[in-house]
Amino acid sequence: MVTLISDGSGPEDYSYTTGLADLATVANGEKMVPREYINQAGNHVNDALKDCVIPLMRGKVPIELGPDGLPVYARLSKHMFDQRTGTKYTTA
């Protein structure tokens, strides 16, 4: 599994490299948010966690909006294939 390894110390100088983790050690497991990222009341995250994840969420993704103001999503064409041969059906 590909992982992100932080090289920076905060949002201003955030950088990362990629790494690999053995899928058998990370799949189907539970990893709790470390206590140092939870506020004093224990019911929300604190600024330390926000500083850690904000660089991963920054940026702008161009989204095409339709006339109704909703995002325009790709529409896939419907093609029928024969399950035994994998050949595409043709319509007359």
PDB file of N, CA and C in Angstrom:
ATOM      1  N   MET A   1       0.853  -1.165   0.000  1.00  0.00           N
ATOM      2  CA  MET A   1       0.000   0.000   0.000  1.00  0.00           C
ATOM      3  C   MET A   1       0.899   1.228   0.000  1.00  0.00           C
ATOM      4  N   VAL A   2       0.520   2.235  -0.768  1.00  0.00           N
ATOM      5  CA  VAL A   2       1.288   3.471  -0.813  1.00  0.00           C
ATOM      6  C   VAL A   2       0.917   4.332   0.386  1.00  0.00           C
ATOM      7  N   THR A   3       1.915   4.936   1.017  1.00  0.00           N
ATOM      8  CA  THR A   3       1.702   5.794   2.177  1.00  0.00           C
ATOM      9  C   THR A   3       2.306   7.168   1.907  1.00  0.00           C
ATOM     10  N   LEU A   4       1.873   8.166   2.664  1.00  0.00           N
ATOM     11  CA  LEU A   4       2.469   9.496   2.627  1.00  0.00           C
ATOM     12  C   LEU A   4       3.273   9.690   3.901  1.00  0.00           C
ATOM     13  N   ILE A   5       4.508  10.149   3.756  1.00  0.00           N
ATOM     14  CA  ILE A   5       5.391  10.381   4.888  1.00  0.00           C
ATOM     15  C   ILE A   5       5.728  11.862   4.910  1.00  0.00           C
ATOM     16  N   SER A   6       5.320  12.543   5.972  1.00  0.00           N
ATOM     17  CA  SER A   6       5.527  13.982   6.080  1.00  0.00           C
ATOM     18  C   SER A   6       7.000  14.309   6.277  1.00  0.00           C
ATOM     19  N   ASP A   7       7.479  15.325   5.541  1.00  0.00           N
ATOM     20  CA  ASP A   7       8.853  15.804   5.691  1.00  0.00           C
ATOM     21  C   ASP A   7       8.897  17.162   6.380  1.00  0.00           C
ATOM     22  N   GLY A   8       7.773  17.870   6.391  1.00  0.00           N
ATOM     23  CA  GLY A   8       7.742  19.220   6.935  1.00  0.00           C
ATOM     24  C   GLY A   8       7.371  19.233   8.396  1.00  0.00           C
ATOM     25  N   SER A   9       7.411  20.445   8.963  1.00  0.00           N
ATOM     26  CA  SER A   9       7.088  20.583  10.382  1.00  0.00           C
ATOM     27  C   SER A   9       5.779  21.318  10.611  1.00  0.00           C
ATOM     28  N   GLY A  10       5.115  21.744   9.560  1.00  0.00           N
ATOM     29  CA  GLY A  10       3.857  22.452   9.727  1.00  0.00           C
ATOM     30  C   GLY A  10       3.280  22.842   8.389  1.00  0.00           C
ATOM     31  N   PRO A  11       2.141  23.546   8.400  1.00  0.00           N
ATOM     32  CA  PRO A  11       1.467  23.893   7.155  1.00  0.00           C
ATOM     33  C   PRO A  11       2.298  24.777   6.222  1.00  0.00           C
ATOM     34  N   GLU A  12       3.175  25.611   6.790  1.00  0.00           N
ATOM     35  CA  GLU A  12       3.938  26.532   5.966  1.00  0.00           C
ATOM     36  C   GLU A  12       5.012  25.835   5.133  1.00  0.00           C
ATOM     37  N   ASP A  13       5.646  24.825   5.689  1.00  0.00           N
ATOM     38  CA  ASP A  13       6.728  24.149   4.968  1.00  0.00           C
ATOM     39  C   ASP A  13       6.406  22.681   4.718  1.00  0.00           C
ATOM     40  N   TYR A  14       5.137  22.408   4.481  1.00  0.00           N
ATOM     41  CA  TYR A  14       4.712  21.017   4.324  1.00  0.00           C
ATOM     42  C   TYR A  14       5.268  20.405   3.044  1.00  0.00           C
ATOM     43  N   SER A  15       5.828  19.242   3.193  1.00  0.00           N
ATOM     44  CA  SER A  15       6.239  18.444   2.043  1.00  0.00           C
ATOM     45  C   SER A  15       6.146  16.984   2.466  1.00  0.00           C
ATOM     46  N   TYR A  16       6.138  16.110   1.482  1.00  0.00           N
ATOM     47  CA  TYR A  16       6.021  14.702   1.818  1.00  0.00           C
ATOM     48  C   TYR A  16       6.712  13.860   0.754  1.00  0.00           C
ATOM     49  N   THR A  17       6.980  12.646   1.140  1.00  0.00           N
ATOM     50  CA  THR A  17       7.469  11.634   0.216  1.00  0.00           C
ATOM     51  C   THR A  17       6.483  10.474   0.293  1.00  0.00           C
ATOM     52  N   THR A  18       6.622   9.548  -0.621  1.00  0.00           N
ATOM     53  CA  THR A  18       5.763   8.370  -0.568  1.00  0.00           C
ATOM     54  C   THR A  18       6.568   7.190  -0.041  1.00  0.00           C
ATOM     55  N   GLY A  19       5.869   6.274   0.551  1.00  0.00           N
ATOM     56  CA  GLY A  19       6.484   5.063   1.060  1.00  0.00           C
ATOM     57  C   GLY A  19       5.573   3.878   0.795  1.00  0.00           C
ATOM     58  N   LEU A  20       5.963   2.744   1.274  1.00  0.00           N
ATOM     59  CA  LEU A  20       5.163   1.534   1.112  1.00  0.00           C
ATOM     60  C   LEU A  20       4.939   0.883   2.464  1.00  0.00           C
ATOM     61  N   ALA A  21       3.759   0.317   2.645  1.00  0.00           N
ATOM     62  CA  ALA A  21       3.447  -0.440   3.857  1.00  0.00           C
ATOM     63  C   ALA A  21       2.878  -1.786   3.423  1.00  0.00           C
ATOM     64  N   ASP A  22       3.185  -2.800   4.184  1.00  0.00           N
ATOM     65  CA  ASP A  22       2.663  -4.129   3.901  1.00  0.00           C
ATOM     66  C   ASP A  22       1.158  -4.116   4.166  1.00  0.00           C
ATOM     67  N   LEU A  23       0.377  -4.416   3.152  1.00  0.00           N
ATOM     68  CA  LEU A  23      -1.075  -4.349   3.259  1.00  0.00           C
ATOM     69  C   LEU A  23      -1.606  -5.245   4.374  1.00  0.00           C
ATOM     70  N   ALA A  24      -0.977  -6.367   4.595  1.00  0.00           N
ATOM     71  CA  ALA A  24      -1.435  -7.284   5.641  1.00  0.00           C
ATOM     72  C   ALA A  24      -1.342  -6.654   7.033  1.00  0.00           C
ATOM     73  N   THR A  25      -0.451  -5.681   7.201  1.00  0.00           N
ATOM     74  CA  THR A  25      -0.309  -5.056   8.522  1.00  0.00           C
ATOM     75  C   THR A  25      -1.230  -3.858   8.724  1.00  0.00           C
ATOM     76  N   VAL A  26      -1.804  -3.310   7.637  1.00  0.00           N
ATOM     77  CA  VAL A  26      -2.654  -2.124   7.787  1.00  0.00           C
ATOM     78  C   VAL A  26      -4.117  -2.366   7.442  1.00  0.00           C
ATOM     79  N   ALA A  27      -4.424  -3.420   6.726  1.00  0.00           N
ATOM     80  CA  ALA A  27      -5.810  -3.683   6.323  1.00  0.00           C
ATOM     81  C   ALA A  27      -6.604  -4.269   7.482  1.00  0.00           C
ATOM     82  N   ASN A  28      -7.882  -3.933   7.495  1.00  0.00           N
ATOM     83  CA  ASN A  28      -8.826  -4.482   8.482  1.00  0.00           C
ATOM     84  C   ASN A  28      -8.400  -4.218   9.918  1.00  0.00           C
ATOM     85  N   GLY A  29      -7.711  -3.131  10.131  1.00  0.00           N
ATOM     86  CA  GLY A  29      -7.303  -2.768  11.483  1.00  0.00           C
ATOM     87  C   GLY A  29      -7.884  -1.420  11.857  1.00  0.00           C
ATOM     88  N   GLU A  30      -7.882  -1.126  13.120  1.00  0.00           N
ATOM     89  CA  GLU A  30      -8.380   0.147  13.603  1.00  0.00           C
ATOM     90  C   GLU A  30      -7.212   0.946  14.138  1.00  0.00           C
ATOM     91  N   LYS A  31      -7.108   2.180  13.686  1.00  0.00           N
ATOM     92  CA  LYS A  31      -6.059   3.050  14.192  1.00  0.00           C
ATOM     93  C   LYS A  31      -6.747   4.279  14.760  1.00  0.00           C
ATOM     94  N   MET A  32      -6.545   4.509  16.022  1.00  0.00           N
ATOM     95  CA  MET A  32      -7.190   5.620  16.710  1.00  0.00           C
ATOM     96  C   MET A  32      -6.410   6.905  16.468  1.00  0.00           C
ATOM     97  N   VAL A  33      -7.123   8.030  16.506  1.00  0.00           N
ATOM     98  CA  VAL A  33      -6.466   9.330  16.430  1.00  0.00           C
ATOM     99  C   VAL A  33      -5.686   9.504  17.736  1.00  0.00           C
ATOM    100  N   PRO A  34      -4.396   9.829  17.651  1.00  0.00           N
ATOM    101  CA  PRO A  34      -3.603  10.004  18.883  1.00  0.00           C
ATOM    102  C   PRO A  34      -4.213  11.054  19.810  1.00  0.00           C
ATOM    103  N   ARG A  35      -4.138  10.835  21.088  1.00  0.00           N
ATOM    104  CA  ARG A  35      -4.744  11.717  22.096  1.00  0.00           C
ATOM    105  C   ARG A  35      -4.263  13.153  21.967  1.00  0.00           C
ATOM    106  N   GLU A  36      -3.013  13.356  21.532  1.00  0.00           N
ATOM    107  CA  GLU A  36      -2.495  14.729  21.427  1.00  0.00           C
ATOM    108  C   GLU A  36      -3.202  15.534  20.324  1.00  0.00           C
ATOM    109  N   TYR A  37      -4.015  14.869  19.496  1.00  0.00           N
ATOM    110  CA  TYR A  37      -4.772  15.558  18.458  1.00  0.00           C
ATOM    111  C   TYR A  37      -6.227  15.803  18.855  1.00  0.00           C
ATOM    112  N   ILE A  38      -6.607  15.415  20.060  1.00  0.00           N
ATOM    113  CA  ILE A  38      -7.981  15.573  20.542  1.00  0.00           C
ATOM    114  C   ILE A  38      -8.022  16.716  21.559  1.00  0.00           C
ATOM    115  N   ASN A  39      -9.094  17.517  21.510  1.00  0.00           N
ATOM    116  CA  ASN A  39      -9.179  18.658  22.428  1.00  0.00           C
ATOM    117  C   ASN A  39      -9.355  18.196  23.874  1.00  0.00           C
ATOM    118  N   GLN A  40      -9.276  19.154  24.803  1.00  0.00           N
ATOM    119  CA  GLN A  40      -9.326  18.855  26.234  1.00  0.00           C
ATOM    120  C   GLN A  40     -10.627  18.160  26.627  1.00  0.00           C
ATOM    121  N   ALA A  41     -11.750  18.559  26.017  1.00  0.00           N
ATOM    122  CA  ALA A  41     -13.041  17.961  26.355  1.00  0.00           C
ATOM    123  C   ALA A  41     -13.187  16.550  25.788  1.00  0.00           C
ATOM    124  N   GLY A  42     -12.321  16.189  24.821  1.00  0.00           N
ATOM    125  CA  GLY A  42     -12.375  14.849  24.249  1.00  0.00           C
ATOM    126  C   GLY A  42     -13.452  14.668  23.198  1.00  0.00           C
ATOM    127  N   ASN A  43     -14.001  15.764  22.687  1.00  0.00           N
ATOM    128  CA  ASN A  43     -15.108  15.642  21.742  1.00  0.00           C
ATOM    129  C   ASN A  43     -14.828  16.258  20.365  1.00  0.00           C
ATOM    130  N   HIS A  44     -13.595  16.659  20.095  1.00  0.00           N
ATOM    131  CA  HIS A  44     -13.273  17.274  18.808  1.00  0.00           C
ATOM    132  C   HIS A  44     -11.756  17.256  18.629  1.00  0.00           C
ATOM    133  N   VAL A  45     -11.334  17.553  17.412  1.00  0.00           N
ATOM    134  CA  VAL A  45      -9.896  17.629  17.155  1.00  0.00           C
ATOM    135  C   VAL A  45      -9.375  19.014  17.530  1.00  0.00           C
ATOM    136  N   ASN A  46      -8.051  19.105  17.731  1.00  0.00           N
ATOM    137  CA  ASN A  46      -7.454  20.387  18.076  1.00  0.00           C
ATOM    138  C   ASN A  46      -6.660  20.955  16.891  1.00  0.00           C
ATOM    139  N   ASP A  47      -6.030  22.093  17.101  1.00  0.00           N
ATOM    140  CA  ASP A  47      -5.290  22.755  16.025  1.00  0.00           C
ATOM    141  C   ASP A  47      -4.084  21.938  15.546  1.00  0.00           C
ATOM    142  N   ALA A  48      -3.502  21.116  16.404  1.00  0.00           N
ATOM    143  CA  ALA A  48      -2.359  20.302  15.985  1.00  0.00           C
ATOM    144  C   ALA A  48      -2.752  19.338  14.867  1.00  0.00           C
ATOM    145  N   LEU A  49      -3.922  18.715  14.977  1.00  0.00           N
ATOM    146  CA  LEU A  49      -4.380  17.820  13.912  1.00  0.00           C
ATOM    147  C   LEU A  49      -4.733  18.614  12.658  1.00  0.00           C
ATOM    148  N   LYS A  50      -5.384  19.753  12.837  1.00  0.00           N
ATOM    149  CA  LYS A  50      -5.724  20.591  11.687  1.00  0.00           C
ATOM    150  C   LYS A  50      -4.460  20.990  10.928  1.00  0.00           C
ATOM    151  N   ASP A  51      -3.400  21.376  11.653  1.00  0.00           N
ATOM    152  CA  ASP A  51      -2.132  21.739  11.006  1.00  0.00           C
ATOM    153  C   ASP A  51      -1.552  20.565  10.232  1.00  0.00           C
ATOM    154  N   CYS A  52      -1.806  19.369  10.711  1.00  0.00           N
ATOM    155  CA  CYS A  52      -1.279  18.163  10.067  1.00  0.00           C
ATOM    156  C   CYS A  52      -2.034  17.827   8.779  1.00  0.00           C
ATOM    157  N   VAL A  53      -3.353  17.990   8.780  1.00  0.00           N
ATOM    158  CA  VAL A  53      -4.137  17.542   7.627  1.00  0.00           C
ATOM    159  C   VAL A  53      -4.492  18.633   6.619  1.00  0.00           C
ATOM    160  N   ILE A  54      -4.470  19.893   7.035  1.00  0.00           N
ATOM    161  CA  ILE A  54      -4.836  20.974   6.108  1.00  0.00           C
ATOM    162  C   ILE A  54      -3.993  20.964   4.836  1.00  0.00           C
ATOM    163  N   PRO A  55      -2.680  20.747   4.895  1.00  0.00           N
ATOM    164  CA  PRO A  55      -1.916  20.719   3.641  1.00  0.00           C
ATOM    165  C   PRO A  55      -2.373  19.628   2.673  1.00  0.00           C
ATOM    166  N   LEU A  56      -2.951  18.564   3.179  1.00  0.00           N
ATOM    167  CA  LEU A  56      -3.445  17.492   2.318  1.00  0.00           C
ATOM    168  C   LEU A  56      -4.752  17.877   1.635  1.00  0.00           C
ATOM    169  N   MET A  57      -5.454  18.863   2.176  1.00  0.00           N
ATOM    170  CA  MET A  57      -6.754  19.248   1.649  1.00  0.00           C
ATOM    171  C   MET A  57      -6.704  20.536   0.834  1.00  0.00           C
ATOM    172  N   ARG A  58      -5.586  21.224   0.857  1.00  0.00           N
ATOM    173  CA  ARG A  58      -5.479  22.508   0.149  1.00  0.00           C
ATOM    174  C   ARG A  58      -5.522  22.344  -1.355  1.00  0.00           C
ATOM    175  N   GLY A  59      -5.872  23.423  -2.016  1.00  0.00           N
ATOM    176  CA  GLY A  59      -5.872  23.435  -3.461  1.00  0.00           C
ATOM    177  C   GLY A  59      -7.268  23.617  -3.996  1.00  0.00           C
ATOM    178  N   LYS A  60      -7.336  23.856  -5.260  1.00  0.00           N
ATOM    179  CA  LYS A  60      -8.631  24.040  -5.901  1.00  0.00           C
ATOM    180  C   LYS A  60      -8.761  23.049  -7.041  1.00  0.00           C
ATOM    181  N   VAL A  61      -9.872  22.385  -7.054  1.00  0.00           N
ATOM    182  CA  VAL A  61     -10.172  21.453  -8.124  1.00  0.00           C
ATOM    183  C   VAL A  61     -11.229  22.102  -8.997  1.00  0.00           C
ATOM    184  N   PRO A  62     -10.948  22.248 -10.302  1.00  0.00           N
ATOM    185  CA  PRO A  62     -11.965  22.864 -11.152  1.00  0.00           C
ATOM    186  C   PRO A  62     -13.183  21.942 -11.279  1.00  0.00           C
ATOM    187  N   ILE A  63     -14.333  22.469 -10.943  1.00  0.00           N
ATOM    188  CA  ILE A  63     -15.570  21.696 -11.009  1.00  0.00           C
ATOM    189  C   ILE A  63     -16.513  22.394 -11.972  1.00  0.00           C
ATOM    190  N   GLU A  64     -16.954  21.672 -12.976  1.00  0.00           N
ATOM    191  CA  GLU A  64     -17.915  22.225 -13.931  1.00  0.00           C
ATOM    192  C   GLU A  64     -19.307  22.150 -13.315  1.00  0.00           C
ATOM    193  N   LEU A  65     -19.994  23.282 -13.315  1.00  0.00           N
ATOM    194  CA  LEU A  65     -21.346  23.322 -12.772  1.00  0.00           C
ATOM    195  C   LEU A  65     -22.347  23.395 -13.900  1.00  0.00           C
ATOM    196  N   GLY A  66     -23.437  22.673 -13.754  1.00  0.00           N
ATOM    197  CA  GLY A  66     -24.508  22.690 -14.742  1.00  0.00           C
ATOM    198  C   GLY A  66     -25.406  23.892 -14.538  1.00  0.00           C
ATOM    199  N   PRO A  67     -26.409  24.084 -15.406  1.00  0.00           N
ATOM    200  CA  PRO A  67     -27.317  25.226 -15.289  1.00  0.00           C
ATOM    201  C   PRO A  67     -28.121  25.222 -13.989  1.00  0.00           C
ATOM    202  N   ASP A  68     -28.232  24.047 -13.358  1.00  0.00           N
ATOM    203  CA  ASP A  68     -28.955  23.964 -12.091  1.00  0.00           C
ATOM    204  C   ASP A  68     -28.064  24.239 -10.887  1.00  0.00           C
ATOM    205  N   GLY A  69     -26.753  24.523 -11.147  1.00  0.00           N
ATOM    206  CA  GLY A  69     -25.830  24.819 -10.065  1.00  0.00           C
ATOM    207  C   GLY A  69     -25.192  23.601  -9.435  1.00  0.00           C
ATOM    208  N   LEU A  70     -25.523  22.413  -9.907  1.00  0.00           N
ATOM    209  CA  LEU A  70     -24.957  21.174  -9.373  1.00  0.00           C
ATOM    210  C   LEU A  70     -23.773  20.735 -10.222  1.00  0.00           C
ATOM    211  N   PRO A  71     -22.817  20.009  -9.632  1.00  0.00           N
ATOM    212  CA  PRO A  71     -21.656  19.532 -10.406  1.00  0.00           C
ATOM    213  C   PRO A  71     -22.082  18.626 -11.558  1.00  0.00           C
ATOM    214  N   VAL A  72     -21.364  18.739 -12.664  1.00  0.00           N
ATOM    215  CA  VAL A  72     -21.597  17.892 -13.830  1.00  0.00           C
ATOM    216  C   VAL A  72     -20.667  16.692 -13.703  1.00  0.00           C
ATOM    217  N   TYR A  73     -21.234  15.516 -13.671  1.00  0.00           N
ATOM    218  CA  TYR A  73     -20.447  14.292 -13.537  1.00  0.00           C
ATOM    219  C   TYR A  73     -20.352  13.580 -14.878  1.00  0.00           C
ATOM    220  N   ALA A  74     -19.298  12.812 -15.046  1.00  0.00           N
ATOM    221  CA  ALA A  74     -19.130  12.039 -16.282  1.00  0.00           C
ATOM    222  C   ALA A  74     -20.244  11.007 -16.380  1.00  0.00           C
ATOM    223  N   ARG A  75     -20.717  10.799 -17.557  1.00  0.00           N
ATOM    224  CA  ARG A  75     -21.731   9.774 -17.802  1.00  0.00           C
ATOM    225  C   ARG A  75     -21.085   8.672 -18.620  1.00  0.00           C
ATOM    226  N   LEU A  76     -21.202   7.471 -18.149  1.00  0.00           N
ATOM    227  CA  LEU A  76     -20.615   6.330 -18.844  1.00  0.00           C
ATOM    228  C   LEU A  76     -21.596   5.785 -19.865  1.00  0.00           C
ATOM    229  N   SER A  77     -21.064   5.354 -20.980  1.00  0.00           N
ATOM    230  CA  SER A  77     -21.903   4.732 -22.002  1.00  0.00           C
ATOM    231  C   SER A  77     -22.229   3.315 -21.572  1.00  0.00           C
ATOM    232  N   LYS A  78     -23.405   2.875 -21.914  1.00  0.00           N
ATOM    233  CA  LYS A  78     -23.837   1.529 -21.553  1.00  0.00           C
ATOM    234  C   LYS A  78     -23.564   0.605 -22.731  1.00  0.00           C
ATOM    235  N   HIS A  79     -22.698  -0.363 -22.535  1.00  0.00           N
ATOM    236  CA  HIS A  79     -22.378  -1.335 -23.574  1.00  0.00           C
ATOM    237  C   HIS A  79     -22.616  -2.734 -23.013  1.00  0.00           C
ATOM    238  N   MET A  80     -23.299  -3.540 -23.763  1.00  0.00           N
ATOM    239  CA  MET A  80     -23.586  -4.905 -23.339  1.00  0.00           C
ATOM    240  C   MET A  80     -22.559  -5.851 -23.942  1.00  0.00           C
ATOM    241  N   PHE A  81     -22.056  -6.771 -23.115  1.00  0.00           N
ATOM    242  CA  PHE A  81     -21.073  -7.756 -23.551  1.00  0.00           C
ATOM    243  C   PHE A  81     -21.575  -9.154 -23.252  1.00  0.00           C
ATOM    244  N   ASP A  82     -21.230 -10.069 -24.125  1.00  0.00           N
ATOM    245  CA  ASP A  82     -21.537 -11.478 -23.893  1.00  0.00           C
ATOM    246  C   ASP A  82     -20.633 -11.967 -22.768  1.00  0.00           C
ATOM    247  N   GLN A  83     -21.206 -12.522 -21.704  1.00  0.00           N
ATOM    248  CA  GLN A  83     -20.424 -12.951 -20.553  1.00  0.00           C
ATOM    249  C   GLN A  83     -19.494 -14.112 -20.871  1.00  0.00           C
ATOM    250  N   ARG A  84     -19.871 -14.954 -21.824  1.00  0.00           N
ATOM    251  CA  ARG A  84     -19.040 -16.114 -22.138  1.00  0.00           C
ATOM    252  C   ARG A  84     -17.858 -15.744 -23.014  1.00  0.00           C
ATOM    253  N   THR A  85     -18.089 -14.893 -23.998  1.00  0.00           N
ATOM    254  CA  THR A  85     -17.030 -14.596 -24.961  1.00  0.00           C
ATOM    255  C   THR A  85     -16.350 -13.258 -24.735  1.00  0.00           C
ATOM    256  N   GLY A  86     -17.023 -12.357 -24.012  1.00  0.00           N
ATOM    257  CA  GLY A  86     -16.463 -11.017 -23.798  1.00  0.00           C
ATOM    258  C   GLY A  86     -16.609 -10.105 -24.992  1.00  0.00           C
ATOM    259  N   THR A  87     -17.341 -10.554 -26.008  1.00  0.00           N
ATOM    260  CA  THR A  87     -17.532  -9.703 -27.185  1.00  0.00           C
ATOM    261  C   THR A  87     -18.720  -8.788 -26.993  1.00  0.00           C
ATOM    262  N   LYS A  88     -18.619  -7.614 -27.585  1.00  0.00           N
ATOM    263  CA  LYS A  88     -19.664  -6.610 -27.447  1.00  0.00           C
ATOM    264  C   LYS A  88     -20.843  -6.965 -28.345  1.00  0.00           C
ATOM    265  N   TYR A  89     -22.048  -6.820 -27.758  1.00  0.00           N
ATOM    266  CA  TYR A  89     -23.253  -7.031 -28.536  1.00  0.00           C
ATOM    267  C   TYR A  89     -23.411  -5.856 -29.506  1.00  0.00           C
ATOM    268  N   THR A  90     -23.883  -6.141 -30.661  1.00  0.00           N
ATOM    269  CA  THR A  90     -24.188  -5.075 -31.614  1.00  0.00           C
ATOM    270  C   THR A  90     -25.693  -5.010 -31.779  1.00  0.00           C
ATOM    271  N   THR A  91     -26.178  -3.788 -31.880  1.00  0.00           N
ATOM    272  CA  THR A  91     -27.618  -3.599 -32.083  1.00  0.00           C
ATOM    273  C   THR A  91     -27.854  -3.221 -33.543  1.00  0.00           C
ATOM    274  N   ALA A  92     -28.920  -3.756 -34.070  1.00  0.00           N
ATOM    275  CA  ALA A  92     -29.232  -3.492 -35.482  1.00  0.00           C
ATOM    276  C   ALA A  92     -30.055  -2.256 -35.619  1.00  0.00           C
TER     277      ALA A  92
END
